Amino acid sequence: QVQLVESGGGLVQAGGSLRLSCAASGIIFSLYAMGWYRQAPGKQRELVALITTGGSTNYADTVKGRFTISRVNAKNTVYLQMNSLKPEDTAVYYCDARRTRVATPDYWGQGTQVTVSS
């Protein structure tokens, strides 16, 4: 059974930082590209950051320079370091696993809430 479990969300003031984690089980983690999405109330889910099996990364323009995605294959975990947080970053954050950068996600986590107060 595949599981992606996010953690690290919470309430933070604008300008603060959070680090999200997503621990995977039931898959050969090193064979999957990993992504972080977010969905704010009333908005579509958007891709925030992606990291390939080789460590290449992509970011949404809205988070470039503030967010960093990384992975530790030995821990089956992908991270999202979020700095200089803004109220508009408030959303539920989900991680996903997909076989390639451009593939649709095969698996999703349950999400973790991030709330940034002004």
C-alpha atoms as a PDB file:
ATOM      1  CA  GLN A   1       0.000   0.000   0.000  1.00  0.00           C
ATOM      2  CA  VAL A   2       1.395   3.349  -1.072  1.00  0.00           C
ATOM      3  CA  GLN A   3       1.325   6.188   1.425  1.00  0.00           C
ATOM      4  CA  LEU A   4       2.523   9.770   1.215  1.00  0.00           C
ATOM      5  CA  VAL A   5       2.311  11.514   4.573  1.00  0.00           C
ATOM      6  CA  GLU A   6       2.851  15.256   4.807  1.00  0.00           C
ATOM      7  CA  SER A   7       3.796  17.081   7.981  1.00  0.00           C
ATOM      8  CA  GLY A   8       5.155  20.429   9.096  1.00  0.00           C
ATOM      9  CA  GLY A   9       2.246  22.706   8.316  1.00  0.00           C
ATOM     10  CA  GLY A  10       0.911  25.258  10.755  1.00  0.00           C
ATOM     11  CA  LEU A  11       0.276  28.913  11.485  1.00  0.00           C
ATOM     12  CA  VAL A  12       3.064  31.413  10.884  1.00  0.00           C
ATOM     13  CA  GLN A  13       3.324  35.173  10.594  1.00  0.00           C
ATOM     14  CA  ALA A  14       4.129  36.839   7.301  1.00  0.00           C
ATOM     15  CA  GLY A  15       7.864  36.814   6.706  1.00  0.00           C
ATOM     16  CA  GLY A  16       8.305  33.589   8.635  1.00  0.00           C
ATOM     17  CA  SER A  17       9.412  30.129   7.549  1.00  0.00           C
ATOM     18  CA  LEU A  18       8.119  26.585   7.586  1.00  0.00           C
ATOM     19  CA  ARG A  19       9.536  23.292   6.369  1.00  0.00           C
ATOM     20  CA  LEU A  20       7.128  20.700   5.050  1.00  0.00           C
ATOM     21  CA  SER A  21       8.028  17.021   4.873  1.00  0.00           C
ATOM     22  CA  CYS A  22       6.478  14.224   2.870  1.00  0.00           C
ATOM     23  CA  ALA A  23       7.402  10.676   3.837  1.00  0.00           C
ATOM     24  CA  ALA A  24       6.715   7.987   1.261  1.00  0.00           C
ATOM     25  CA  SER A  25       6.196   4.277   1.744  1.00  0.00           C
ATOM     26  CA  GLY A  26       5.159   1.440  -0.531  1.00  0.00           C
ATOM     27  CA  ILE A  27       7.084   2.764  -3.551  1.00  0.00           C
ATOM     28  CA  ILE A  28      10.690   2.707  -4.695  1.00  0.00           C
ATOM     29  CA  PHE A  29      11.119   6.350  -3.789  1.00  0.00           C
ATOM     30  CA  SER A  30      14.271   6.938  -5.835  1.00  0.00           C
ATOM     31  CA  LEU A  31      12.396   6.054  -9.034  1.00  0.00           C
ATOM     32  CA  TYR A  32       9.785   8.787  -8.626  1.00  0.00           C
ATOM     33  CA  ALA A  33       9.813  12.480  -9.287  1.00  0.00           C
ATOM     34  CA  MET A  34       8.150  14.308  -6.410  1.00  0.00           C
ATOM     35  CA  GLY A  35       6.047  17.421  -6.411  1.00  0.00           C
ATOM     36  CA  TRP A  36       4.393  19.830  -4.036  1.00  0.00           C
ATOM     37  CA  TYR A  37       1.017  21.314  -4.921  1.00  0.00           C
ATOM     38  CA  ARG A  38      -1.157  23.718  -3.027  1.00  0.00           C
ATOM     39  CA  GLN A  39      -4.833  24.573  -3.071  1.00  0.00           C
ATOM     40  CA  ALA A  40      -6.304  27.681  -1.524  1.00  0.00           C
ATOM     41  CA  PRO A  41     -10.043  28.004  -0.818  1.00  0.00           C
ATOM     42  CA  GLY A  42     -11.969  28.649  -4.020  1.00  0.00           C
ATOM     43  CA  LYS A  43      -8.883  28.182  -6.204  1.00  0.00           C
ATOM     44  CA  GLN A  44      -7.544  25.423  -8.378  1.00  0.00           C
ATOM     45  CA  ARG A  45      -4.740  23.215  -7.193  1.00  0.00           C
ATOM     46  CA  GLU A  46      -1.408  24.544  -8.490  1.00  0.00           C
ATOM     47  CA  LEU A  47       2.005  22.979  -8.780  1.00  0.00           C
ATOM     48  CA  VAL A  48       4.432  24.783  -6.492  1.00  0.00           C
ATOM     49  CA  ALA A  49       7.662  22.824  -6.915  1.00  0.00           C
ATOM     50  CA  LEU A  50       8.955  19.643  -8.485  1.00  0.00           C
ATOM     51  CA  ILE A  51      12.120  17.594  -8.094  1.00  0.00           C
ATOM     52  CA  THR A  52      13.150  14.834 -10.472  1.00  0.00           C
ATOM     53  CA  THR A  53      14.882  11.573  -9.671  1.00  0.00           C
ATOM     54  CA  GLY A  54      18.138  13.232 -10.686  1.00  0.00           C
ATOM     55  CA  GLY A  55      17.592  16.247  -8.443  1.00  0.00           C
ATOM     56  CA  SER A  56      16.562  18.810 -11.058  1.00  0.00           C
ATOM     57  CA  THR A  57      14.008  21.283  -9.737  1.00  0.00           C
ATOM     58  CA  ASN A  58      11.235  23.508 -11.048  1.00  0.00           C
ATOM     59  CA  TYR A  59       9.270  26.193  -9.249  1.00  0.00           C
ATOM     60  CA  ALA A  60       6.176  28.235  -9.823  1.00  0.00           C
ATOM     61  CA  ASP A  61       7.000  31.877 -10.485  1.00  0.00           C
ATOM     62  CA  THR A  62       5.088  32.862  -7.356  1.00  0.00           C
ATOM     63  CA  VAL A  63       7.522  31.002  -5.084  1.00  0.00           C
ATOM     64  CA  LYS A  64      10.866  31.260  -6.906  1.00  0.00           C
ATOM     65  CA  GLY A  65      13.579  32.515  -4.624  1.00  0.00           C
ATOM     66  CA  ARG A  66      11.516  31.813  -1.504  1.00  0.00           C
ATOM     67  CA  PHE A  67      10.805  28.065  -1.588  1.00  0.00           C
ATOM     68  CA  THR A  68      13.283  25.207  -1.961  1.00  0.00           C
ATOM     69  CA  ILE A  69      12.396  21.605  -2.704  1.00  0.00           C
ATOM     70  CA  SER A  70      14.812  18.827  -1.806  1.00  0.00           C
ATOM     71  CA  ARG A  71      14.803  15.081  -1.326  1.00  0.00           C
ATOM     72  CA  VAL A  72      16.668  12.505   0.738  1.00  0.00           C
ATOM     73  CA  ASN A  73      16.264   9.141  -0.939  1.00  0.00           C
ATOM     74  CA  ALA A  74      17.730   7.291   2.039  1.00  0.00           C
ATOM     75  CA  LYS A  75      14.826   8.610   4.114  1.00  0.00           C
ATOM     76  CA  ASN A  76      12.151   8.295   1.393  1.00  0.00           C
ATOM     77  CA  THR A  77      11.331  11.918   2.097  1.00  0.00           C
ATOM     78  CA  VAL A  78      10.869  15.098   0.106  1.00  0.00           C
ATOM     79  CA  TYR A  79      10.985  18.518   1.747  1.00  0.00           C
ATOM     80  CA  LEU A  80       9.689  21.988   0.952  1.00  0.00           C
ATOM     81  CA  GLN A  81      11.513  24.783   2.734  1.00  0.00           C
ATOM     82  CA  MET A  82       9.332  27.883   2.640  1.00  0.00           C
ATOM     83  CA  ASN A  83      10.864  31.242   3.542  1.00  0.00           C
ATOM     84  CA  SER A  84       9.554  34.804   3.438  1.00  0.00           C
ATOM     85  CA  LEU A  85       6.017  33.495   3.634  1.00  0.00           C
ATOM     86  CA  LYS A  86       3.156  35.707   2.506  1.00  0.00           C
ATOM     87  CA  PRO A  87      -0.564  35.583   3.337  1.00  0.00           C
ATOM     88  CA  GLU A  88      -1.210  34.469  -0.244  1.00  0.00           C
ATOM     89  CA  ASP A  89       0.796  31.311   0.454  1.00  0.00           C
ATOM     90  CA  THR A  90      -2.043  30.162   2.716  1.00  0.00           C
ATOM     91  CA  ALA A  91      -3.330  26.852   1.359  1.00  0.00           C
ATOM     92  CA  VAL A  92      -3.438  23.123   1.881  1.00  0.00           C
ATOM     93  CA  TYR A  93      -0.157  21.699   0.609  1.00  0.00           C
ATOM     94  CA  TYR A  94      -0.037  18.250  -0.963  1.00  0.00           C
ATOM     95  CA  CYS A  95       2.863  16.139  -2.120  1.00  0.00           C
ATOM     96  CA  ASP A  96       2.653  13.801  -5.070  1.00  0.00           C
ATOM     97  CA  ALA A  97       4.734  11.078  -6.678  1.00  0.00           C
ATOM     98  CA  ARG A  98       4.979  10.622 -10.428  1.00  0.00           C
ATOM     99  CA  ARG A  99       7.212   8.534 -12.673  1.00  0.00           C
ATOM    100  CA  THR A 100       8.529  11.471 -14.725  1.00  0.00           C
ATOM    101  CA  ARG A 101       8.572  15.253 -14.554  1.00  0.00           C
ATOM    102  CA  VAL A 102       5.723  15.595 -17.041  1.00  0.00           C
ATOM    103  CA  ALA A 103       3.628  12.613 -15.981  1.00  0.00           C
ATOM    104  CA  THR A 104       0.386  13.035 -14.100  1.00  0.00           C
ATOM    105  CA  PRO A 105       0.742  12.166 -10.427  1.00  0.00           C
ATOM    106  CA  ASP A 106       0.369   8.513  -9.518  1.00  0.00           C
ATOM    107  CA  TYR A 107      -0.037   9.083  -5.786  1.00  0.00           C
ATOM    108  CA  TRP A 108      -1.106  11.916  -3.478  1.00  0.00           C
ATOM    109  CA  GLY A 109      -0.725  12.693   0.172  1.00  0.00           C
ATOM    110  CA  GLN A 110      -3.587  13.832   2.375  1.00  0.00           C
ATOM    111  CA  GLY A 111      -2.363  17.424   2.645  1.00  0.00           C
ATOM    112  CA  THR A 112      -1.144  19.717   5.380  1.00  0.00           C
ATOM    113  CA  GLN A 113      -2.556  23.166   6.147  1.00  0.00           C
ATOM    114  CA  VAL A 114      -0.320  26.218   5.962  1.00  0.00           C
ATOM    115  CA  THR A 115      -1.764  29.488   7.228  1.00  0.00           C
ATOM    116  CA  VAL A 116       0.176  32.736   6.985  1.00  0.00           C
ATOM    117  CA  SER A 117      -1.160  35.642   9.001  1.00  0.00           C
ATOM    118  CA  SER A 118      -0.546  39.269   8.053  1.00  0.00           C
END
